[in-house]
C-alpha atoms as a PDB file:
ATOM      1  CA  MET A   1     -94.956  19.985 -32.439  1.00  0.00           C
ATOM      2  CA  ASN A   2     -95.534  20.242 -36.312  1.00  0.00           C
ATOM      3  CA  ALA A   3     -94.416  17.190 -38.136  1.00  0.00           C
ATOM      4  CA  GLY A   4     -93.123  19.278 -41.022  1.00  0.00           C
ATOM      5  CA  LEU A   5     -90.712  20.706 -38.753  1.00  0.00           C
ATOM      6  CA  VAL A   6     -89.484  17.471 -37.417  1.00  0.00           C
ATOM      7  CA  ARG A   7     -85.710  16.944 -38.311  1.00  0.00           C
ATOM      8  CA  PRO A   8     -84.528  13.261 -39.428  1.00  0.00           C
ATOM      9  CA  GLU A   9     -82.497  11.706 -37.404  1.00  0.00           C
ATOM     10  CA  PRO A  10     -78.628  12.334 -37.654  1.00  0.00           C
ATOM     11  CA  ALA A  11     -78.213   8.464 -37.694  1.00  0.00           C
ATOM     12  CA  ALA A  12     -80.719   7.873 -40.342  1.00  0.00           C
ATOM     13  CA  ALA A  13     -79.518  10.851 -42.926  1.00  0.00           C
ATOM     14  CA  GLY A  14     -75.886   9.331 -42.504  1.00  0.00           C
ATOM     15  CA  LEU A  15     -77.220   6.300 -43.447  1.00  0.00           C
ATOM     16  CA  ARG A  16     -78.897   7.630 -46.484  1.00  0.00           C
ATOM     17  CA  GLN A  17     -75.872   9.868 -47.448  1.00  0.00           C
ATOM     18  CA  ALA A  18     -73.526   6.428 -47.204  1.00  0.00           C
ATOM     19  CA  ALA A  19     -76.039   4.633 -49.132  1.00  0.00           C
ATOM     20  CA  ARG A  20     -75.865   7.323 -51.890  1.00  0.00           C
ATOM     21  CA  ASP A  21     -72.284   7.232 -51.825  1.00  0.00           C
ATOM     22  CA  LEU A  22     -72.101   3.491 -51.941  1.00  0.00           C
ATOM     23  CA  LEU A  23     -74.303   3.963 -55.309  1.00  0.00           C
ATOM     24  CA  LEU A  24     -71.764   6.447 -56.984  1.00  0.00           C
ATOM     25  CA  VAL A  25     -68.944   4.410 -56.009  1.00  0.00           C
ATOM     26  CA  ALA A  26     -70.990   1.288 -57.987  1.00  0.00           C
ATOM     27  CA  ARG A  27     -71.893   3.067 -60.809  1.00  0.00           C
ATOM     28  CA  GLN A  28     -68.293   4.432 -61.565  1.00  0.00           C
ATOM     29  CA  LEU A  29     -66.746   0.977 -61.256  1.00  0.00           C
ATOM     30  CA  TYR A  30     -69.420  -0.378 -63.472  1.00  0.00           C
ATOM     31  CA  TYR A  31     -68.276   2.311 -66.352  1.00  0.00           C
ATOM     32  CA  GLU A  32     -65.028   1.716 -65.516  1.00  0.00           C
ATOM     33  CA  GLN A  33     -65.488  -2.070 -66.247  1.00  0.00           C
ATOM     34  CA  ILE A  34     -67.539  -1.436 -69.219  1.00  0.00           C
ATOM     35  CA  SER A  35     -64.787   0.737 -70.551  1.00  0.00           C
ATOM     36  CA  PHE A  36     -62.486  -2.132 -69.856  1.00  0.00           C
ATOM     37  CA  TRP A  37     -64.229  -4.925 -71.460  1.00  0.00           C
ATOM     38  CA  ARG A  38     -65.313  -3.267 -74.574  1.00  0.00           C
ATOM     39  CA  ASN A  39     -61.788  -3.120 -75.536  1.00  0.00           C
ATOM     40  CA  PRO A  40     -61.116  -6.753 -75.815  1.00  0.00           C
ATOM     41  CA  VAL A  41     -57.851  -7.060 -77.451  1.00  0.00           C
ATOM     42  CA  GLY A  42     -56.450  -4.928 -74.385  1.00  0.00           C
ATOM     43  CA  ALA A  43     -58.439  -6.604 -72.183  1.00  0.00           C
ATOM     44  CA  VAL A  44     -57.355 -10.400 -73.057  1.00  0.00           C
ATOM     45  CA  PHE A  45     -53.511  -8.873 -73.617  1.00  0.00           C
ATOM     46  CA  SER A  46     -54.274  -7.408 -69.948  1.00  0.00           C
ATOM     47  CA  VAL A  47     -55.229 -10.885 -67.971  1.00  0.00           C
ATOM     48  CA  GLY A  48     -53.345 -13.158 -70.631  1.00  0.00           C
ATOM     49  CA  PHE A  49     -49.822 -12.070 -70.810  1.00  0.00           C
ATOM     50  CA  SER A  50     -49.493 -13.733 -67.274  1.00  0.00           C
ATOM     51  CA  VAL A  51     -51.050 -17.021 -68.642  1.00  0.00           C
ATOM     52  CA  VAL A  52     -48.817 -16.669 -71.520  1.00  0.00           C
ATOM     53  CA  PHE A  53     -45.799 -16.609 -69.466  1.00  0.00           C
ATOM     54  CA  LEU A  54     -46.824 -19.267 -66.775  1.00  0.00           C
ATOM     55  CA  VAL A  55     -47.284 -21.840 -69.398  1.00  0.00           C
ATOM     56  CA  LEU A  56     -44.069 -21.282 -71.217  1.00  0.00           C
ATOM     57  CA  LEU A  57     -42.035 -21.073 -68.205  1.00  0.00           C
ATOM     58  CA  ALA A  58     -43.901 -24.142 -67.299  1.00  0.00           C
ATOM     59  CA  ALA A  59     -43.107 -26.129 -70.721  1.00  0.00           C
ATOM     60  CA  ALA A  60     -39.622 -24.937 -70.447  1.00  0.00           C
ATOM     61  CA  GLY A  61     -38.755 -26.161 -66.670  1.00  0.00           C
ATOM     62  CA  GLY A  62     -41.946 -26.349 -64.794  1.00  0.00           C
ATOM     63  CA  THR A  63     -40.742 -29.807 -63.285  1.00  0.00           C
ATOM     64  CA  THR A  64     -37.556 -28.695 -62.288  1.00  0.00           C
ATOM     65  CA  LYS A  65     -37.110 -29.397 -58.393  1.00  0.00           C
ATOM     66  CA  VAL A  66     -35.781 -25.727 -56.768  1.00  0.00           C
ATOM     67  CA  ALA A  67     -33.233 -26.533 -54.002  1.00  0.00           C
ATOM     68  CA  SER A  68     -33.346 -23.119 -52.425  1.00  0.00           C
ATOM     69  CA  LEU A  69     -37.575 -23.672 -51.883  1.00  0.00           C
ATOM     70  CA  GLY A  70     -37.260 -27.149 -50.253  1.00  0.00           C
ATOM     71  CA  GLY A  71     -37.211 -29.133 -53.466  1.00  0.00           C
ATOM     72  CA  ILE A  72     -40.840 -28.300 -54.871  1.00  0.00           C
ATOM     73  CA  ARG A  73     -41.286 -28.121 -58.080  1.00  0.00           C
ATOM     74  CA  ALA A  74     -40.532 -24.752 -60.080  1.00  0.00           C
ATOM     75  CA  ILE A  75     -44.342 -24.566 -61.333  1.00  0.00           C
ATOM     76  CA  GLN A  76     -45.330 -24.344 -57.860  1.00  0.00           C
ATOM     77  CA  TYR A  77     -43.540 -21.107 -57.242  1.00  0.00           C
ATOM     78  CA  TYR A  78     -44.610 -19.884 -60.993  1.00  0.00           C
ATOM     79  CA  VAL A  79     -48.527 -19.663 -60.019  1.00  0.00           C
ATOM     80  CA  PRO A  80     -47.965 -17.409 -57.010  1.00  0.00           C
ATOM     81  CA  SER A  81     -45.164 -15.290 -58.657  1.00  0.00           C
ATOM     82  CA  PHE A  82     -47.565 -14.827 -61.630  1.00  0.00           C
ATOM     83  CA  CYS A  83     -50.655 -13.810 -59.517  1.00  0.00           C
ATOM     84  CA  ALA A  84     -48.240 -11.492 -57.985  1.00  0.00           C
ATOM     85  CA  TYR A  85     -47.139  -9.995 -61.192  1.00  0.00           C
ATOM     86  CA  GLY A  86     -50.861  -9.781 -62.532  1.00  0.00           C
ATOM     87  CA  VAL A  87     -51.713  -7.715 -59.431  1.00  0.00           C
ATOM     88  CA  MET A  88     -48.597  -5.502 -60.143  1.00  0.00           C
ATOM     89  CA  SER A  89     -49.261  -4.809 -63.798  1.00  0.00           C
ATOM     90  CA  MET A  90     -52.981  -3.931 -63.601  1.00  0.00           C
ATOM     91  CA  CYS A  91     -52.076  -1.630 -60.233  1.00  0.00           C
ATOM     92  CA  PHE A  92     -49.464   0.004 -61.243  1.00  0.00           C
ATOM     93  CA  ASN A  93     -48.277  -0.333 -64.941  1.00  0.00           C
ATOM     94  CA  THR A  94     -51.668  -0.270 -66.401  1.00  0.00           C
ATOM     95  CA  ILE A  95     -53.147   2.830 -64.197  1.00  0.00           C
ATOM     96  CA  ALA A  96     -49.900   4.931 -64.574  1.00  0.00           C
ATOM     97  CA  ILE A  97     -50.578   4.360 -68.298  1.00  0.00           C
ATOM     98  CA  VAL A  98     -53.925   5.027 -67.928  1.00  0.00           C
ATOM     99  CA  LEU A  99     -53.778   8.313 -65.952  1.00  0.00           C
ATOM    100  CA  VAL A 100     -51.555   9.571 -67.989  1.00  0.00           C
ATOM    101  CA  VAL A 101     -53.389   9.498 -70.993  1.00  0.00           C
ATOM    102  CA  ARG A 102     -56.535  10.463 -69.389  1.00  0.00           C
ATOM    103  CA  ARG A 103     -54.379  13.468 -68.297  1.00  0.00           C
ATOM    104  CA  GLU A 104     -53.156  14.378 -71.561  1.00  0.00           C
ATOM    105  CA  THR A 105     -56.584  14.004 -73.556  1.00  0.00           C
ATOM    106  CA  ARG A 106     -58.193  16.250 -70.948  1.00  0.00           C
ATOM    107  CA  LEU A 107     -60.671  13.792 -69.594  1.00  0.00           C
ATOM    108  CA  LEU A 108     -59.649  13.812 -66.105  1.00  0.00           C
ATOM    109  CA  LYS A 109     -60.194  17.698 -66.266  1.00  0.00           C
ATOM    110  CA  ARG A 110     -63.915  16.924 -67.789  1.00  0.00           C
ATOM    111  CA  LEU A 111     -64.376  14.453 -64.754  1.00  0.00           C
ATOM    112  CA  ARG A 112     -62.771  17.155 -62.417  1.00  0.00           C
ATOM    113  CA  LEU A 113     -65.688  19.507 -63.855  1.00  0.00           C
ATOM    114  CA  SER A 114     -68.641  17.155 -63.585  1.00  0.00           C
ATOM    115  CA  PRO A 115     -70.646  16.365 -60.328  1.00  0.00           C
ATOM    116  CA  LEU A 116     -69.116  13.424 -59.230  1.00  0.00           C
ATOM    117  CA  PRO A 117     -67.197  13.816 -56.229  1.00  0.00           C
ATOM    118  CA  THR A 118     -62.709  13.645 -57.077  1.00  0.00           C
ATOM    119  CA  TRP A 119     -62.794  10.528 -54.376  1.00  0.00           C
ATOM    120  CA  VAL A 120     -65.471   8.547 -55.495  1.00  0.00           C
ATOM    121  CA  ILE A 121     -63.470   8.557 -58.982  1.00  0.00           C
ATOM    122  CA  PHE A 122     -60.137   7.377 -56.923  1.00  0.00           C
ATOM    123  CA  VAL A 123     -61.917   4.727 -54.668  1.00  0.00           C
ATOM    124  CA  ALA A 124     -64.056   3.377 -57.991  1.00  0.00           C
ATOM    125  CA  THR A 125     -60.165   3.382 -59.958  1.00  0.00           C
ATOM    126  CA  VAL A 126     -58.561   0.967 -57.085  1.00  0.00           C
ATOM    127  CA  LEU A 127     -61.781  -1.065 -56.922  1.00  0.00           C
ATOM    128  CA  HIS A 128     -61.651  -1.476 -60.896  1.00  0.00           C
ATOM    129  CA  ALA A 129     -57.969  -2.386 -60.350  1.00  0.00           C
ATOM    130  CA  LEU A 130     -58.987  -5.042 -57.390  1.00  0.00           C
ATOM    131  CA  VAL A 131     -61.698  -6.747 -59.795  1.00  0.00           C
ATOM    132  CA  ILE A 132     -59.640  -7.148 -63.027  1.00  0.00           C
ATOM    133  CA  SER A 133     -56.588  -8.555 -60.381  1.00  0.00           C
ATOM    134  CA  LEU A 134     -59.011 -11.149 -59.061  1.00  0.00           C
ATOM    135  CA  VAL A 135     -59.959 -12.576 -62.340  1.00  0.00           C
ATOM    136  CA  GLU A 136     -56.493 -12.659 -63.435  1.00  0.00           C
ATOM    137  CA  VAL A 137     -55.217 -14.486 -60.079  1.00  0.00           C
ATOM    138  CA  ALA A 138     -58.289 -16.910 -60.392  1.00  0.00           C
ATOM    139  CA  VAL A 139     -57.433 -17.780 -64.079  1.00  0.00           C
ATOM    140  CA  LEU A 140     -53.879 -18.491 -63.047  1.00  0.00           C
ATOM    141  CA  LEU A 141     -54.927 -20.449 -60.062  1.00  0.00           C
ATOM    142  CA  VAL A 142     -57.189 -22.966 -62.349  1.00  0.00           C
ATOM    143  CA  ILE A 143     -55.179 -23.149 -64.895  1.00  0.00           C
ATOM    144  CA  GLY A 144     -52.149 -23.960 -62.369  1.00  0.00           C
ATOM    145  CA  ARG A 145     -54.478 -26.580 -60.790  1.00  0.00           C
ATOM    146  CA  LEU A 146     -55.980 -28.005 -63.618  1.00  0.00           C
ATOM    147  CA  ALA A 147     -53.378 -28.058 -66.103  1.00  0.00           C
ATOM    148  CA  PHE A 148     -50.180 -28.417 -63.863  1.00  0.00           C
ATOM    149  CA  ASP A 149     -51.411 -29.911 -60.465  1.00  0.00           C
ATOM    150  CA  VAL A 150     -50.308 -26.953 -58.510  1.00  0.00           C
ATOM    151  CA  GLN A 151     -51.514 -26.936 -54.454  1.00  0.00           C
ATOM    152  CA  LEU A 152     -53.644 -24.135 -53.549  1.00  0.00           C
ATOM    153  CA  PRO A 153     -52.967 -22.112 -50.893  1.00  0.00           C
ATOM    154  CA  LYS A 154     -53.203 -23.865 -47.395  1.00  0.00           C
ATOM    155  CA  ASP A 155     -54.523 -20.541 -45.949  1.00  0.00           C
ATOM    156  CA  PRO A 156     -57.045 -18.544 -48.420  1.00  0.00           C
ATOM    157  CA  ILE A 157     -57.244 -15.459 -46.247  1.00  0.00           C
ATOM    158  CA  ALA A 158     -53.245 -15.006 -46.418  1.00  0.00           C
ATOM    159  CA  LEU A 159     -53.597 -14.975 -50.072  1.00  0.00           C
ATOM    160  CA  VAL A 160     -56.488 -12.576 -50.364  1.00  0.00           C
ATOM    161  CA  LEU A 161     -54.664 -10.180 -47.141  1.00  0.00           C
ATOM    162  CA  ALA A 162     -51.473 -10.313 -49.636  1.00  0.00           C
ATOM    163  CA  LEU A 163     -53.642  -9.500 -52.826  1.00  0.00           C
ATOM    164  CA  VAL A 164     -55.355  -6.596 -51.095  1.00  0.00           C
ATOM    165  CA  VAL A 165     -52.036  -4.771 -49.675  1.00  0.00           C
ATOM    166  CA  GLY A 166     -50.593  -5.482 -52.515  1.00  0.00           C
ATOM    167  CA  VAL A 167     -53.394  -3.911 -54.797  1.00  0.00           C
ATOM    168  CA  ALA A 168     -53.243  -0.820 -52.272  1.00  0.00           C
ATOM    169  CA  CYS A 169     -49.712  -0.254 -52.447  1.00  0.00           C
ATOM    170  CA  PHE A 170     -48.955  -0.853 -56.196  1.00  0.00           C
ATOM    171  CA  THR A 171     -52.027   1.430 -57.067  1.00  0.00           C
ATOM    172  CA  ALA A 172     -50.802   4.300 -55.013  1.00  0.00           C
ATOM    173  CA  LEU A 173     -47.352   4.161 -56.648  1.00  0.00           C
ATOM    174  CA  GLY A 174     -48.879   4.047 -60.134  1.00  0.00           C
ATOM    175  CA  VAL A 175     -50.495   6.939 -59.542  1.00  0.00           C
ATOM    176  CA  ALA A 176     -47.725   8.435 -57.655  1.00  0.00           C
ATOM    177  CA  VAL A 177     -45.714   7.470 -60.929  1.00  0.00           C
ATOM    178  CA  SER A 178     -48.054   8.919 -63.128  1.00  0.00           C
ATOM    179  CA  THR A 179     -47.506  12.629 -61.738  1.00  0.00           C
ATOM    180  CA  ALA A 180     -43.781  12.375 -63.076  1.00  0.00           C
ATOM    181  CA  ILE A 181     -44.378  11.428 -67.082  1.00  0.00           C
ATOM    182  CA  PRO A 182     -44.468  14.242 -68.955  1.00  0.00           C
ATOM    183  CA  ASN A 183     -46.500  12.874 -71.866  1.00  0.00           C
ATOM    184  CA  GLN A 184     -48.607  10.140 -73.285  1.00  0.00           C
ATOM    185  CA  GLU A 185     -45.943   9.288 -75.888  1.00  0.00           C
ATOM    186  CA  SER A 186     -43.822   8.484 -72.988  1.00  0.00           C
ATOM    187  CA  ALA A 187     -45.761   6.850 -70.234  1.00  0.00           C
ATOM    188  CA  GLY A 188     -45.735   3.465 -71.984  1.00  0.00           C
ATOM    189  CA  PRO A 189     -41.309   2.990 -72.004  1.00  0.00           C
ATOM    190  CA  ILE A 190     -40.733   4.763 -69.074  1.00  0.00           C
ATOM    191  CA  VAL A 191     -43.220   2.707 -67.146  1.00  0.00           C
ATOM    192  CA  SER A 192     -42.647  -0.652 -68.767  1.00  0.00           C
ATOM    193  CA  VAL A 193     -38.693  -0.737 -68.429  1.00  0.00           C
ATOM    194  CA  MET A 194     -39.168   0.620 -64.743  1.00  0.00           C
ATOM    195  CA  PHE A 195     -41.391  -2.273 -63.955  1.00  0.00           C
ATOM    196  CA  PHE A 196     -39.656  -5.145 -65.706  1.00  0.00           C
ATOM    197  CA  VAL A 197     -36.307  -4.079 -64.216  1.00  0.00           C
ATOM    198  CA  LEU A 198     -37.985  -4.321 -60.712  1.00  0.00           C
ATOM    199  CA  LEU A 199     -39.624  -7.720 -62.017  1.00  0.00           C
ATOM    200  CA  PHE A 200     -35.797  -9.116 -63.127  1.00  0.00           C
ATOM    201  CA  VAL A 201     -33.856  -8.361 -59.859  1.00  0.00           C
ATOM    202  CA  SER A 202     -36.775  -9.344 -57.868  1.00  0.00           C
ATOM    203  CA  GLY A 203     -37.022 -13.128 -58.775  1.00  0.00           C
ATOM    204  CA  LEU A 204     -40.353 -13.442 -60.851  1.00  0.00           C
ATOM    205  CA  TRP A 205     -38.990 -15.742 -63.489  1.00  0.00           C
ATOM    206  CA  TYR A 206     -36.522 -17.527 -61.043  1.00  0.00           C
ATOM    207  CA  PRO A 207     -36.661 -18.248 -57.388  1.00  0.00           C
ATOM    208  CA  LEU A 208     -33.427 -15.840 -55.799  1.00  0.00           C
ATOM    209  CA  PRO A 209     -31.581 -17.610 -53.137  1.00  0.00           C
ATOM    210  CA  PRO A 210     -32.454 -15.678 -49.719  1.00  0.00           C
ATOM    211  CA  ARG A 211     -28.808 -14.433 -48.921  1.00  0.00           C
ATOM    212  CA  SER A 212     -27.915 -13.520 -52.516  1.00  0.00           C
ATOM    213  CA  LEU A 213     -26.630 -10.268 -53.658  1.00  0.00           C
ATOM    214  CA  MET A 214     -29.707  -9.825 -55.721  1.00  0.00           C
ATOM    215  CA  ALA A 215     -32.104 -10.914 -53.425  1.00  0.00           C
ATOM    216  CA  SER A 216     -30.331  -8.176 -50.956  1.00  0.00           C
ATOM    217  CA  VAL A 217     -30.705  -5.332 -53.320  1.00  0.00           C
ATOM    218  CA  SER A 218     -34.536  -6.066 -54.377  1.00  0.00           C
ATOM    219  CA  ASP A 219     -35.598  -6.336 -50.922  1.00  0.00           C
ATOM    220  CA  TRP A 220     -35.546  -2.568 -50.625  1.00  0.00           C
ATOM    221  CA  PHE A 221     -38.204  -2.349 -53.204  1.00  0.00           C
ATOM    222  CA  PRO A 222     -42.139  -3.654 -53.066  1.00  0.00           C
ATOM    223  CA  VAL A 223     -41.972  -5.942 -55.815  1.00  0.00           C
ATOM    224  CA  ARG A 224     -39.600  -8.480 -54.544  1.00  0.00           C
ATOM    225  CA  HIS A 225     -42.172  -8.336 -51.135  1.00  0.00           C
ATOM    226  CA  MET A 226     -45.011  -8.700 -53.061  1.00  0.00           C
ATOM    227  CA  ILE A 227     -43.944 -11.947 -54.792  1.00  0.00           C
ATOM    228  CA  THR A 228     -42.503 -13.489 -51.438  1.00  0.00           C
ATOM    229  CA  ALA A 229     -45.784 -12.374 -49.681  1.00  0.00           C
ATOM    230  CA  VAL A 230     -48.247 -14.162 -52.139  1.00  0.00           C
ATOM    231  CA  PHE A 231     -45.995 -16.986 -52.611  1.00  0.00           C
ATOM    232  CA  ALA A 232     -46.170 -17.912 -48.486  1.00  0.00           C
ATOM    233  CA  PRO A 233     -49.860 -19.196 -48.464  1.00  0.00           C
ATOM    234  CA  PHE A 234     -48.495 -21.569 -51.245  1.00  0.00           C
ATOM    235  CA  ASP A 235     -45.551 -22.815 -48.984  1.00  0.00           C
ATOM    236  CA  GLN A 236     -46.573 -26.442 -48.152  1.00  0.00           C
ATOM    237  CA  HIS A 237     -44.071 -27.226 -45.753  1.00  0.00           C
ATOM    238  CA  PRO A 238     -44.836 -27.820 -42.014  1.00  0.00           C
ATOM    239  CA  GLY A 239     -44.228 -24.564 -39.770  1.00  0.00           C
ATOM    240  CA  VAL A 240     -44.151 -22.073 -42.398  1.00  0.00           C
ATOM    241  CA  ALA A 241     -46.189 -19.006 -41.738  1.00  0.00           C
ATOM    242  CA  PRO A 242     -48.892 -17.972 -44.268  1.00  0.00           C
ATOM    243  CA  ILE A 243     -48.692 -14.625 -43.706  1.00  0.00           C
ATOM    244  CA  ARG A 244     -45.640 -12.601 -44.227  1.00  0.00           C
ATOM    245  CA  TRP A 245     -46.107  -9.583 -41.833  1.00  0.00           C
ATOM    246  CA  GLY A 246     -42.851  -8.090 -42.759  1.00  0.00           C
ATOM    247  CA  ASP A 247     -43.420  -7.858 -46.536  1.00  0.00           C
ATOM    248  CA  LEU A 248     -47.064  -6.715 -45.972  1.00  0.00           C
ATOM    249  CA  LEU A 249     -45.375  -3.802 -43.822  1.00  0.00           C
ATOM    250  CA  VAL A 250     -42.701  -2.565 -46.516  1.00  0.00           C
ATOM    251  CA  MET A 251     -45.561  -2.611 -48.987  1.00  0.00           C
ATOM    252  CA  ALA A 252     -47.835  -0.461 -46.326  1.00  0.00           C
ATOM    253  CA  ILE A 253     -44.897   1.881 -46.280  1.00  0.00           C
ATOM    254  CA  TRP A 254     -44.227   2.060 -49.933  1.00  0.00           C
ATOM    255  CA  GLY A 255     -47.942   2.445 -50.570  1.00  0.00           C
ATOM    256  CA  SER A 256     -48.195   5.240 -48.252  1.00  0.00           C
ATOM    257  CA  ALA A 257     -45.091   6.944 -49.572  1.00  0.00           C
ATOM    258  CA  GLY A 258     -46.522   6.540 -53.168  1.00  0.00           C
ATOM    259  CA  ALA A 259     -50.152   8.169 -51.816  1.00  0.00           C
ATOM    260  CA  LEU A 260     -48.228  10.745 -50.274  1.00  0.00           C
ATOM    261  CA  VAL A 261     -46.726  12.095 -53.416  1.00  0.00           C
ATOM    262  CA  ALA A 262     -49.836  10.973 -55.450  1.00  0.00           C
ATOM    263  CA  VAL A 263     -51.704  13.573 -53.087  1.00  0.00           C
ATOM    264  CA  ARG A 264     -48.934  16.225 -53.475  1.00  0.00           C
ATOM    265  CA  ARG A 265     -48.573  16.000 -56.958  1.00  0.00           C
ATOM    266  CA  PHE A 266     -51.412  14.717 -58.835  1.00  0.00           C
ATOM    267  CA  ARG A 267     -52.470  17.354 -61.476  1.00  0.00           C
ATOM    268  CA  TRP A 268     -56.021  17.181 -63.468  1.00  0.00           C
ATOM    269  CA  GLU A 269     -55.080  19.286 -66.569  1.00  0.00           C
ATOM    270  CA  PRO A 270     -52.287  18.348 -68.834  1.00  0.00           C
ATOM    271  CA  ARG A 271     -48.570  19.629 -68.399  1.00  0.00           C
ATOM    272  CA  ARG A 272     -47.326  22.402 -69.986  1.00  0.00           C
ATOM    273  CA  ARG A 273     -45.044  21.751 -72.945  1.00  0.00           C
END
């Protein structure tokens, strides 16, 4: 048989295609990272906002004992809480606002017309959010350990699992919310008010008693479950499970709903005025 007519093996062709896809995602992720870090003011505030709040709360009452959490120091609760906050802020706030701005400035439309597959854009966006979130979490853990003697997670795998599920959930919700925002001028106020109200009722700045009214209300929303899922690996009490499967399930449900809304309502072009 003529060697020139021999078709490549399907497995080999599939591997080559997968390698090309991975290269495309890696390149788009690289461009997303370059765009983020070339704006040093925005990057510093994105990563440093939670650090500033953590230091302020630690100075105000970080050594106070929290009775509802078994008498641990408040700072032991604040560090994982602000790790959760950093992930949610990056994946929900930032992505929602950036998508609206890119849509209204027609950057999304230009990307849509480029040869780059649309799925690569979204995968790179999620990975970008994951990378920045992990950087922020690492900074908070280092500061918490060195400056405030916070006990690190007893099960790092449980922490990573909570962070990954949180990234997926709040990225999907951020994309979904972006589809309801009419213009870039209103993106910041709408997203910020929505987010900080949920943070307030979900116990970011203070632990909520388990059966309180505020805890019952916030249990309907994913913010509360993200905070408790990230805190669980830090809980050093004996017999406490480091993985909160119920919290992860709630976040997965919210993320799935957000993904469904995003797929149905996402638009590449600016809204008509």
